[in-house]
Amino acid sequence: MGNSAIELGTELPSTATGPVDRVWYSPDGSRLFAKTASGRVFRTADFEQWQLVADAKATPPSTDETVAPSAPEIAFKMATPSGAAAAAGRLYGVGTDVYRSDDAGVSWINLTGYKGACILGPGLRAVTVSPMDPDDVVVASDSGVWRSLDGGVSWIGLNQFLPNLPAVHLSGLPSGTRGVRLELAGVAREVEWAPGQKSAWKPTDASDVEREQNLKSALSQVLKHSVTSIAAAEDYIYAGDSEGRLQVSADAGVSWGATFKPGEQGKVEAIWVDADDPRVAIAVLGARSSVAAGSAKPVFVLRTMNGGSFWDDITANLPETAAAHGVAADRASGAIYIATDAGLFYTTTDLGSAGRPTVWSSLSEHLPAAAAVTDVKLDAGGNQLFTVLDGYGVYTTIAPHRLLDARIVNAADYSARPTAPGALLSVLGARVESARSEDAAAPVLDAHRNGVADPGAVRG
């Protein structure tokens, strides 16, 4: 859903994306490489579409300091001149702005400063120049990749299709006129892909994100630990902290039960609680910062059915690299979905009674293989599964557990509300070849089943 570009209004030349650490050209100037803050390297030959570089040898050139007679700023990084730029005595560098020198560094021209700010935004990280054209310069920054073909007089972003969206959590799912909303990494900013949107994610009111952060801060003061995740239903409040501790209040925070901590574990990343029976909850944890040789298998997924009095380890066969970041569940089917560094995983179990941990299955076959999965959510009806991939953004599909429990929903939004005569319905989880409503035949407009997607459409 959507793309990986962010619309930040008039403060930048074009759409932005997440932070990029380095940019460099191939020796013949035909390809541009970009290393994102997540460590992935992408390349482009047409300066529009980007491809992931799987070759571990694709590393940026050395950052040997270029010596120049002067520098316009104290913290200043220069591009190592080569090819046509070196022959012309042309130098480029970045500090708080982008600079150019046409006399081998004796004097410098500010290319991006305007009214006391940089037109490419803050956080300029690196600069490179094409070995074939001294006017072709590219800058890496906190807001993506920026290119000029006229020596820095004008700039354009190369971010529209660079898979570098810094999304960490799904803060809202489509509902009415609202679209998918994402919390971005490192900032208290929320962006939305509204219905009908085609170009980029747009900033929206981040009051919900700020409210949750304020609540975590307040609970941190109460519990004397840094709270990283919370979940609530009825009078139950679940809180997890940065060292893997879990605490539960059954009286809206008046009192708190004993602390549960599953050994030397990473922080509690997310908690799911059953809205109808808040004694049932699932918590997922990140990786430990270091793992001793011969230590026990990491614990990433915990389940309670008694309001936190005891937690079961249901990590089971998840890979040892599967540090978890998000969790979603459907109580009726017992389906659990886990977002991890090793991909998206799914299992079904009895969430109402104790039992042995069940086997997890990967759902990442048709997702980009190089990205960690940072969050997962189910819509209100448990029909659609939404997941976030680091850099690549949001993906959605029919929830796999729906194949075990077919359901008739509205084709537009998969809701179960009443429909008017003539409305389109979808049957999720089953192939439909014919349909009737009492004595009247209902036309089937589309009937096929491919994996967990493409349900049958029926004219009601």
Protein backbone atom coordinates (compact mmCIF):
# COMPACT_ATOMS: atom_id res chain seq x y z
CA MET A 1 0.00 0.00 0.00
CA GLY A 2 1.46 3.34 -1.04
CA ASN A 3 5.17 3.81 -1.70
CA SER A 4 8.24 4.84 0.29
CA ALA A 5 8.15 8.59 -0.40
CA ILE A 6 7.07 11.28 2.08
CA GLU A 7 5.53 14.62 1.11
CA LEU A 8 6.93 17.31 3.41
CA GLY A 9 5.31 20.26 1.65
CA THR A 10 7.27 23.21 0.28
CA GLU A 11 10.26 22.86 2.59
CA LEU A 12 12.04 20.45 0.19
CA PRO A 13 12.43 20.42 -3.63
CA SER A 14 10.37 17.21 -3.99
CA THR A 15 9.28 14.13 -2.05
CA ALA A 16 11.61 12.82 0.65
CA THR A 17 12.27 9.43 2.25
CA GLY A 18 14.32 8.07 5.16
CA PRO A 19 17.96 8.82 6.06
CA VAL A 20 20.71 7.88 3.58
CA ASP A 21 24.30 7.61 4.85
CA ARG A 22 26.40 7.48 1.67
CA VAL A 23 26.09 7.99 -2.08
CA TRP A 24 28.67 7.23 -4.78
CA TYR A 25 28.98 6.73 -8.52
CA SER A 26 30.35 3.73 -10.37
CA PRO A 27 33.77 4.43 -12.00
CA ASP A 28 32.14 5.03 -15.39
CA GLY A 29 29.41 7.26 -13.95
CA SER A 30 26.59 5.08 -15.34
CA ARG A 31 25.20 3.97 -11.98
CA LEU A 32 24.53 5.68 -8.68
CA PHE A 33 24.67 3.80 -5.38
CA ALA A 34 23.03 4.74 -2.08
CA LYS A 35 23.58 3.18 1.34
CA THR A 36 20.60 3.73 3.62
CA ALA A 37 20.72 4.16 7.39
CA SER A 38 19.51 0.56 7.73
CA GLY A 39 22.70 -0.64 5.99
CA ARG A 40 21.12 -1.77 2.71
CA VAL A 41 22.73 -0.69 -0.57
CA PHE A 42 20.64 0.21 -3.63
CA ARG A 43 21.66 1.21 -7.15
CA THR A 44 19.98 3.02 -10.02
CA ALA A 45 20.91 3.35 -13.68
CA ASP A 46 17.95 5.50 -14.78
CA PHE A 47 17.92 7.71 -11.65
CA GLU A 48 14.32 6.75 -10.90
CA GLN A 49 13.98 3.04 -10.14
CA TRP A 50 16.25 1.51 -7.48
CA GLN A 51 17.40 -2.09 -7.11
CA LEU A 52 18.73 -3.78 -3.99
CA VAL A 53 22.39 -4.77 -4.28
CA ALA A 54 22.84 -8.23 -2.78
CA ASP A 55 26.60 -8.35 -3.38
CA ALA A 56 28.36 -7.86 -0.04
CA LYS A 57 31.32 -6.34 -1.95
CA ALA A 58 29.19 -3.36 -3.00
CA THR A 59 30.66 -0.96 -0.47
CA PRO A 60 31.23 2.78 -0.74
CA PRO A 61 34.71 4.02 -1.66
CA SER A 62 37.09 5.04 1.08
CA THR A 63 36.48 8.40 2.69
CA ASP A 64 40.02 9.74 2.46
CA GLU A 65 39.97 13.39 3.43
CA THR A 66 40.51 15.71 0.49
CA VAL A 67 42.87 18.53 1.39
CA ALA A 68 41.75 22.02 0.39
CA PRO A 69 43.22 25.44 1.17
CA SER A 70 40.04 26.49 3.02
CA ALA A 71 36.70 25.21 4.29
CA PRO A 72 33.44 27.17 4.67
CA GLU A 73 32.43 25.33 7.88
CA ILE A 74 34.18 23.60 10.75
CA ALA A 75 32.36 20.25 10.35
CA PHE A 76 32.83 19.87 6.62
CA LYS A 77 32.89 16.76 4.41
CA MET A 78 34.20 16.92 0.86
CA ALA A 79 33.72 14.59 -2.07
CA THR A 80 36.95 13.04 -3.32
CA PRO A 81 37.41 14.56 -6.82
CA SER A 82 37.90 12.23 -9.77
CA GLY A 83 37.57 12.26 -13.54
CA ALA A 84 36.18 15.43 -15.11
CA ALA A 85 35.60 17.14 -11.74
CA ALA A 86 39.23 16.68 -10.71
CA ALA A 87 40.47 17.88 -14.09
CA ALA A 88 38.35 21.03 -13.81
CA GLY A 89 39.48 21.79 -10.25
CA ARG A 90 35.87 21.40 -9.07
CA LEU A 91 35.19 20.45 -5.45
CA TYR A 92 31.95 19.84 -3.54
CA GLY A 93 31.35 19.53 0.19
CA VAL A 94 28.59 19.45 2.79
CA GLY A 95 28.16 20.88 6.27
CA THR A 96 24.88 22.48 7.21
CA ASP A 97 24.65 23.39 3.48
CA VAL A 98 26.10 22.16 0.19
CA TYR A 99 29.08 24.07 -1.17
CA ARG A 100 30.99 24.21 -4.46
CA SER A 101 34.47 25.43 -5.25
CA ASP A 102 35.59 26.18 -8.80
CA ASP A 103 39.18 26.96 -7.84
CA ALA A 104 40.31 23.77 -6.04
CA GLY A 105 39.07 24.93 -2.63
CA VAL A 106 40.40 28.48 -2.44
CA SER A 107 36.86 29.92 -2.30
CA TRP A 108 33.43 28.37 -1.83
CA ILE A 109 29.87 29.05 -3.01
CA ASN A 110 26.89 28.16 -0.80
CA LEU A 111 24.47 26.23 -3.03
CA THR A 112 21.56 25.49 -0.68
CA GLY A 113 21.35 28.19 1.96
CA TYR A 114 18.13 30.23 1.89
CA LYS A 115 16.76 32.43 4.67
CA GLY A 116 19.00 30.76 7.22
CA ALA A 117 18.03 27.18 6.31
CA CYS A 118 19.15 24.50 3.87
CA ILE A 119 16.69 23.89 1.03
CA LEU A 120 17.54 20.15 1.20
CA GLY A 121 16.64 20.01 4.88
CA PRO A 122 18.90 19.34 7.87
CA GLY A 123 21.30 16.46 8.35
CA LEU A 124 23.44 16.48 5.20
CA ARG A 125 25.59 13.34 5.45
CA ALA A 126 27.64 12.90 2.28
CA VAL A 127 28.22 14.22 -1.23
CA THR A 128 29.51 12.72 -4.47
CA VAL A 129 30.13 13.98 -8.00
CA SER A 130 29.98 12.07 -11.27
CA PRO A 131 33.42 11.21 -12.70
CA MET A 132 32.02 12.05 -16.14
CA ASP A 133 30.34 15.40 -15.45
CA PRO A 134 31.51 17.98 -12.89
CA ASP A 135 28.00 19.49 -12.81
CA ASP A 136 26.37 16.19 -11.77
CA VAL A 137 26.41 16.19 -7.95
CA VAL A 138 24.42 14.02 -5.49
CA VAL A 139 23.88 14.55 -1.75
CA ALA A 140 22.82 12.04 0.93
CA SER A 141 20.86 13.43 3.87
CA ASP A 142 18.39 12.67 6.65
CA SER A 143 15.62 13.11 4.08
CA GLY A 144 17.01 10.96 1.27
CA VAL A 145 18.95 11.47 -1.97
CA TRP A 146 19.16 14.79 -3.85
CA ARG A 147 20.69 15.41 -7.27
CA SER A 148 21.72 18.47 -9.29
CA LEU A 149 22.73 18.44 -12.95
CA ASP A 150 23.75 22.09 -13.10
CA GLY A 151 26.43 22.33 -10.45
CA GLY A 152 24.00 22.90 -7.57
CA VAL A 153 21.85 25.66 -9.07
CA SER A 154 18.69 23.46 -8.94
CA TRP A 155 17.90 20.20 -7.16
CA ILE A 156 15.55 17.22 -7.51
CA GLY A 157 14.93 14.25 -5.23
CA LEU A 158 15.57 10.63 -6.24
CA ASN A 159 13.34 9.33 -3.43
CA GLN A 160 10.04 8.42 -5.07
CA PHE A 161 10.97 4.75 -5.57
CA LEU A 162 13.86 4.30 -3.14
CA PRO A 163 12.73 1.61 -0.60
CA ASN A 164 13.70 3.61 2.46
CA LEU A 165 10.52 4.56 4.33
CA PRO A 166 11.52 4.78 8.04
CA ALA A 167 8.25 3.27 9.31
CA VAL A 168 8.22 1.40 12.61
CA HIS A 169 4.58 1.05 13.71
CA LEU A 170 1.10 0.99 12.25
CA SER A 171 -0.63 3.68 14.28
CA GLY A 172 -3.96 3.42 12.45
CA LEU A 173 -5.78 1.29 9.87
CA PRO A 174 -8.23 2.46 7.18
CA SER A 175 -11.54 3.59 8.64
CA GLY A 176 -14.07 5.85 6.97
CA THR A 177 -12.21 8.78 5.45
CA ARG A 178 -8.98 7.93 7.26
CA GLY A 179 -6.27 5.91 5.60
CA VAL A 180 -3.33 3.85 6.84
CA ARG A 181 -1.23 5.78 9.38
CA LEU A 182 2.39 5.11 10.27
CA GLU A 183 4.69 6.19 13.06
CA LEU A 184 8.14 7.05 11.71
CA ALA A 185 11.41 6.04 13.36
CA GLY A 186 13.27 8.56 15.46
CA VAL A 187 10.65 11.32 15.36
CA ALA A 188 7.23 11.94 16.91
CA ARG A 189 5.76 12.19 13.41
CA GLU A 190 2.83 10.32 11.90
CA VAL A 191 2.19 10.03 8.17
CA GLU A 192 -0.93 8.87 6.34
CA TRP A 193 -1.75 7.27 3.00
CA ALA A 194 -5.26 8.66 2.59
CA PRO A 195 -7.91 7.04 0.36
CA GLY A 196 -7.19 8.02 -3.24
CA GLN A 197 -3.61 9.08 -2.48
CA LYS A 198 -1.18 8.35 -5.34
CA SER A 199 2.04 10.28 -4.83
CA ALA A 200 3.44 10.03 -1.28
CA TRP A 201 2.75 9.67 2.42
CA LYS A 202 1.70 12.96 4.00
CA PRO A 203 2.24 14.18 7.58
CA THR A 204 -0.89 14.15 9.72
CA ASP A 205 -1.87 14.96 13.27
CA ALA A 206 0.50 13.03 15.56
CA SER A 207 -1.50 13.59 18.75
CA ASP A 208 -2.16 9.85 19.21
CA VAL A 209 1.58 9.10 18.97
CA GLU A 210 2.39 11.89 21.41
CA ARG A 211 -0.35 10.75 23.80
CA GLU A 212 1.05 7.21 23.89
CA GLN A 213 4.58 8.50 24.44
CA ASN A 214 3.34 10.68 27.32
CA LEU A 215 1.55 7.69 28.87
CA LYS A 216 4.72 5.58 28.61
CA SER A 217 6.68 8.36 30.27
CA ALA A 218 4.14 8.63 33.11
CA LEU A 219 4.12 4.85 33.68
CA SER A 220 7.92 4.84 33.65
CA GLN A 221 7.82 7.17 36.64
CA VAL A 222 5.29 4.95 38.46
CA LEU A 223 7.01 1.62 37.76
CA LYS A 224 10.59 2.95 38.09
CA HIS A 225 11.61 1.44 34.75
CA SER A 226 11.64 2.71 31.17
CA VAL A 227 8.29 1.54 29.74
CA THR A 228 8.53 0.69 26.03
CA SER A 229 5.13 -0.88 25.33
CA ILE A 230 1.61 -0.65 26.75
CA ALA A 231 -1.79 -2.19 26.02
CA ALA A 232 -5.13 -1.82 27.77
CA ALA A 233 -8.64 -3.31 27.77
CA GLU A 234 -11.36 -2.63 30.32
CA ASP A 235 -9.53 -2.03 33.63
CA TYR A 236 -6.45 -4.03 32.66
CA ILE A 237 -3.21 -2.24 31.76
CA TYR A 238 -0.18 -4.18 30.52
CA ALA A 239 3.25 -2.54 30.57
CA GLY A 240 6.59 -3.82 29.28
CA ASP A 241 9.94 -2.14 29.75
CA SER A 242 13.35 -1.79 28.14
CA GLU A 243 14.82 -4.78 30.03
CA GLY A 244 12.07 -7.28 29.21
CA ARG A 245 10.00 -6.87 32.37
CA LEU A 246 6.20 -7.24 32.25
CA GLN A 247 3.75 -5.83 34.79
CA VAL A 248 -0.04 -5.82 34.85
CA SER A 249 -2.63 -3.71 36.63
CA ALA A 250 -6.18 -5.10 36.88
CA ASP A 251 -7.63 -1.92 38.43
CA ALA A 252 -6.81 0.80 35.87
CA GLY A 253 -3.36 1.49 37.32
CA VAL A 254 -4.27 1.81 41.01
CA SER A 255 -2.09 -1.19 41.88
CA TRP A 256 0.35 -3.37 39.99
CA GLY A 257 1.07 -7.08 40.17
CA ALA A 258 4.45 -8.74 40.52
CA THR A 259 7.09 -8.19 37.85
CA PHE A 260 7.73 -11.00 35.36
CA LYS A 261 11.08 -11.12 33.57
CA PRO A 262 12.10 -14.00 31.25
CA GLY A 263 15.84 -14.01 31.94
CA GLU A 264 18.31 -11.74 30.15
CA GLN A 265 16.04 -10.58 27.38
CA GLY A 266 15.61 -7.56 25.10
CA LYS A 267 12.97 -4.89 25.56
CA VAL A 268 9.23 -5.54 25.33
CA GLU A 269 8.38 -4.32 21.83
CA ALA A 270 4.61 -4.83 21.67
CA ILE A 271 1.66 -6.28 23.61
CA TRP A 272 -1.68 -7.56 22.31
CA VAL A 273 -4.60 -7.90 24.73
CA ASP A 274 -7.98 -9.55 24.08
CA ALA A 275 -10.61 -6.79 24.21
CA ASP A 276 -13.32 -9.26 25.32
CA ASP A 277 -11.22 -11.06 27.94
CA PRO A 278 -8.30 -8.86 29.01
CA ARG A 279 -6.82 -11.66 31.11
CA VAL A 280 -5.52 -13.03 27.79
CA ALA A 281 -2.52 -11.22 26.32
CA ILE A 282 0.58 -11.82 24.19
CA ALA A 283 3.87 -9.93 24.52
CA VAL A 284 6.78 -9.90 22.07
CA LEU A 285 10.37 -9.01 22.88
CA GLY A 286 13.40 -7.77 20.99
CA ALA A 287 16.84 -9.32 20.93
CA ARG A 288 19.37 -9.07 23.72
CA SER A 289 22.23 -6.70 23.02
CA SER A 290 24.65 -9.61 23.47
CA VAL A 291 24.26 -13.36 23.70
CA ALA A 292 26.69 -15.51 25.68
CA ALA A 293 28.04 -18.64 24.03
CA GLY A 294 25.99 -21.69 24.95
CA SER A 295 23.15 -19.61 26.42
CA ALA A 296 19.54 -20.76 26.31
CA LYS A 297 17.41 -20.20 23.20
CA PRO A 298 16.11 -16.61 23.16
CA VAL A 299 12.54 -15.91 24.26
CA PHE A 300 10.65 -13.69 21.85
CA VAL A 301 6.93 -14.49 22.40
CA LEU A 302 5.08 -14.81 25.73
CA ARG A 303 1.42 -15.60 26.46
CA THR A 304 -0.71 -15.13 29.58
CA MET A 305 -4.24 -16.36 30.19
CA ASN A 306 -4.58 -15.18 33.79
CA GLY A 307 -3.91 -11.48 33.64
CA GLY A 308 -0.14 -11.69 33.96
CA SER A 309 0.09 -14.00 36.99
CA PHE A 310 2.12 -16.31 34.78
CA TRP A 311 3.51 -16.07 31.26
CA ASP A 312 4.13 -19.05 28.92
CA ASP A 313 7.01 -19.06 26.45
CA ILE A 314 5.51 -19.85 23.02
CA THR A 315 8.59 -18.92 20.97
CA ALA A 316 8.81 -22.59 19.88
CA ASN A 317 10.49 -22.95 16.45
CA LEU A 318 10.95 -19.24 15.68
CA PRO A 319 14.50 -18.63 14.42
CA GLU A 320 17.00 -17.46 17.02
CA THR A 321 17.39 -14.27 14.98
CA ALA A 322 13.64 -13.59 15.17
CA ALA A 323 13.72 -10.61 17.51
CA ALA A 324 10.07 -9.56 17.53
CA HIS A 325 8.59 -6.10 17.00
CA GLY A 326 4.82 -6.50 16.59
CA VAL A 327 1.97 -8.87 17.38
CA ALA A 328 -1.64 -9.33 16.28
CA ALA A 329 -4.12 -12.06 17.17
CA ASP A 330 -7.66 -13.25 16.51
CA ARG A 331 -9.25 -14.83 19.59
CA ALA A 332 -12.02 -16.66 17.72
CA SER A 333 -9.61 -18.66 15.53
CA GLY A 334 -6.61 -18.65 17.88
CA ALA A 335 -4.47 -17.09 15.13
CA ILE A 336 -1.31 -15.22 16.17
CA TYR A 337 0.88 -13.14 13.86
CA ILE A 338 4.39 -12.01 14.81
CA ALA A 339 6.50 -9.35 13.07
CA THR A 340 10.22 -10.12 13.45
CA ASP A 341 13.66 -9.35 12.07
CA ALA A 342 13.52 -12.76 10.39
CA GLY A 343 10.16 -12.15 8.70
CA LEU A 344 6.44 -12.50 9.36
CA PHE A 345 5.26 -15.65 11.19
CA TYR A 346 1.87 -17.22 11.92
CA THR A 347 0.46 -19.95 14.14
CA THR A 348 -2.88 -21.04 15.56
CA THR A 349 -3.35 -22.10 19.16
CA ASP A 350 -5.95 -22.20 21.92
CA LEU A 351 -5.83 -18.79 23.54
CA GLY A 352 -8.26 -19.85 26.26
CA SER A 353 -6.39 -22.74 27.84
CA ALA A 354 -2.84 -23.87 28.46
CA GLY A 355 -1.17 -26.15 25.98
CA ARG A 356 2.08 -26.93 24.29
CA PRO A 357 3.51 -24.22 21.99
CA THR A 358 2.43 -24.67 18.39
CA VAL A 359 4.59 -24.56 15.27
CA TRP A 360 5.15 -21.21 13.56
CA SER A 361 4.96 -20.87 9.76
CA SER A 362 6.61 -18.14 7.70
CA LEU A 363 4.39 -15.78 5.70
CA SER A 364 7.29 -13.92 4.07
CA GLU A 365 7.52 -15.85 0.82
CA HIS A 366 6.02 -13.04 -1.28
CA LEU A 367 7.47 -10.13 0.72
CA PRO A 368 10.83 -8.40 0.08
CA ALA A 369 13.40 -10.75 1.56
CA ALA A 370 15.94 -8.18 2.69
CA ALA A 371 13.74 -6.25 5.10
CA ALA A 372 12.85 -6.78 8.75
CA VAL A 373 9.13 -6.79 9.56
CA THR A 374 8.52 -4.06 12.13
CA ASP A 375 4.78 -4.33 12.84
CA VAL A 376 1.64 -6.32 12.12
CA LYS A 377 -2.06 -5.67 12.71
CA LEU A 378 -5.47 -7.14 11.91
CA ASP A 379 -8.46 -4.99 10.97
CA ALA A 380 -11.44 -4.82 13.35
CA GLY A 381 -13.12 -7.81 11.72
CA GLY A 382 -9.99 -9.95 11.64
CA ASN A 383 -10.24 -10.13 7.85
CA GLN A 384 -7.28 -8.14 6.55
CA LEU A 385 -3.69 -8.49 7.67
CA PHE A 386 -1.45 -5.39 7.52
CA THR A 387 2.30 -5.50 7.98
CA VAL A 388 5.17 -3.00 7.85
CA LEU A 389 8.57 -3.78 6.31
CA ASP A 390 11.57 -1.67 7.17
CA GLY A 391 12.17 0.63 4.22
CA TYR A 392 9.56 -0.94 1.95
CA GLY A 393 6.41 0.26 3.71
CA VAL A 394 2.99 -1.37 4.16
CA TYR A 395 1.70 -4.61 2.67
CA THR A 396 -1.76 -6.11 3.11
CA THR A 397 -3.50 -9.40 2.31
CA ILE A 398 -6.48 -11.46 3.38
CA ALA A 399 -5.68 -12.86 6.84
CA PRO A 400 -4.58 -16.51 6.41
CA HIS A 401 -6.74 -17.70 9.32
CA ARG A 402 -9.80 -16.63 7.32
CA LEU A 403 -9.24 -19.71 5.14
CA LEU A 404 -10.25 -21.75 8.19
CA ASP A 405 -13.39 -19.71 8.81
CA ALA A 406 -15.00 -18.27 5.66
CA ARG A 407 -16.89 -15.01 6.05
CA ILE A 408 -19.17 -12.81 3.94
CA VAL A 409 -18.19 -9.13 4.06
CA ASN A 410 -18.67 -5.89 2.11
CA ALA A 411 -16.36 -5.87 -0.91
CA ALA A 412 -15.34 -2.23 -0.39
CA ASP A 413 -13.95 -2.33 3.15
CA TYR A 414 -14.36 -5.96 4.33
CA SER A 415 -16.75 -4.85 7.08
CA ALA A 416 -19.66 -7.00 8.30
CA ARG A 417 -22.25 -4.22 8.39
CA PRO A 418 -25.66 -4.68 6.68
CA THR A 419 -25.71 -4.03 2.93
CA ALA A 420 -28.25 -2.57 0.56
CA PRO A 421 -29.73 -4.50 -2.40
CA GLY A 422 -27.29 -4.50 -5.31
CA ALA A 423 -24.22 -4.11 -3.13
CA LEU A 424 -21.02 -6.05 -3.81
CA LEU A 425 -20.08 -8.71 -1.28
CA SER A 426 -16.90 -10.75 -0.92
CA VAL A 427 -16.61 -14.24 0.49
CA LEU A 428 -13.28 -14.45 2.29
CA GLY A 429 -11.63 -17.82 2.69
CA ALA A 430 -13.64 -19.89 0.22
CA ARG A 431 -14.02 -20.29 -3.54
CA VAL A 432 -17.52 -19.26 -4.66
CA GLU A 433 -18.92 -20.53 -7.95
CA SER A 434 -22.63 -19.97 -7.33
CA ALA A 435 -24.72 -18.09 -4.77
CA ARG A 436 -28.37 -17.64 -3.85
CA SER A 437 -30.31 -15.28 -1.61
CA GLU A 438 -33.48 -17.17 -0.66
CA ASP A 439 -34.97 -18.05 -4.08
CA ALA A 440 -33.00 -15.49 -6.10
CA ALA A 441 -29.70 -16.29 -7.78
CA ALA A 442 -26.86 -13.88 -7.01
CA PRO A 443 -24.35 -13.34 -9.84
CA VAL A 444 -20.76 -14.28 -9.07
CA LEU A 445 -18.49 -11.69 -10.67
CA ASP A 446 -15.16 -13.27 -9.80
CA ALA A 447 -14.45 -16.76 -8.49
CA HIS A 448 -10.94 -17.90 -7.77
CA ARG A 449 -8.68 -18.62 -4.85
CA ASN A 450 -4.99 -17.92 -5.02
CA GLY A 451 -3.19 -18.39 -1.71
CA VAL A 452 -4.88 -16.12 0.81
CA ALA A 453 -5.85 -13.36 -1.59
CA ASP A 454 -8.48 -12.64 -4.25
CA PRO A 455 -11.73 -13.75 -2.57
CA GLY A 456 -14.84 -14.39 -4.62
CA ALA A 457 -17.01 -11.36 -5.35
CA VAL A 458 -20.78 -11.72 -5.27
CA ARG A 459 -23.46 -9.22 -6.31
CA GLY A 460 -25.91 -9.16 -3.37
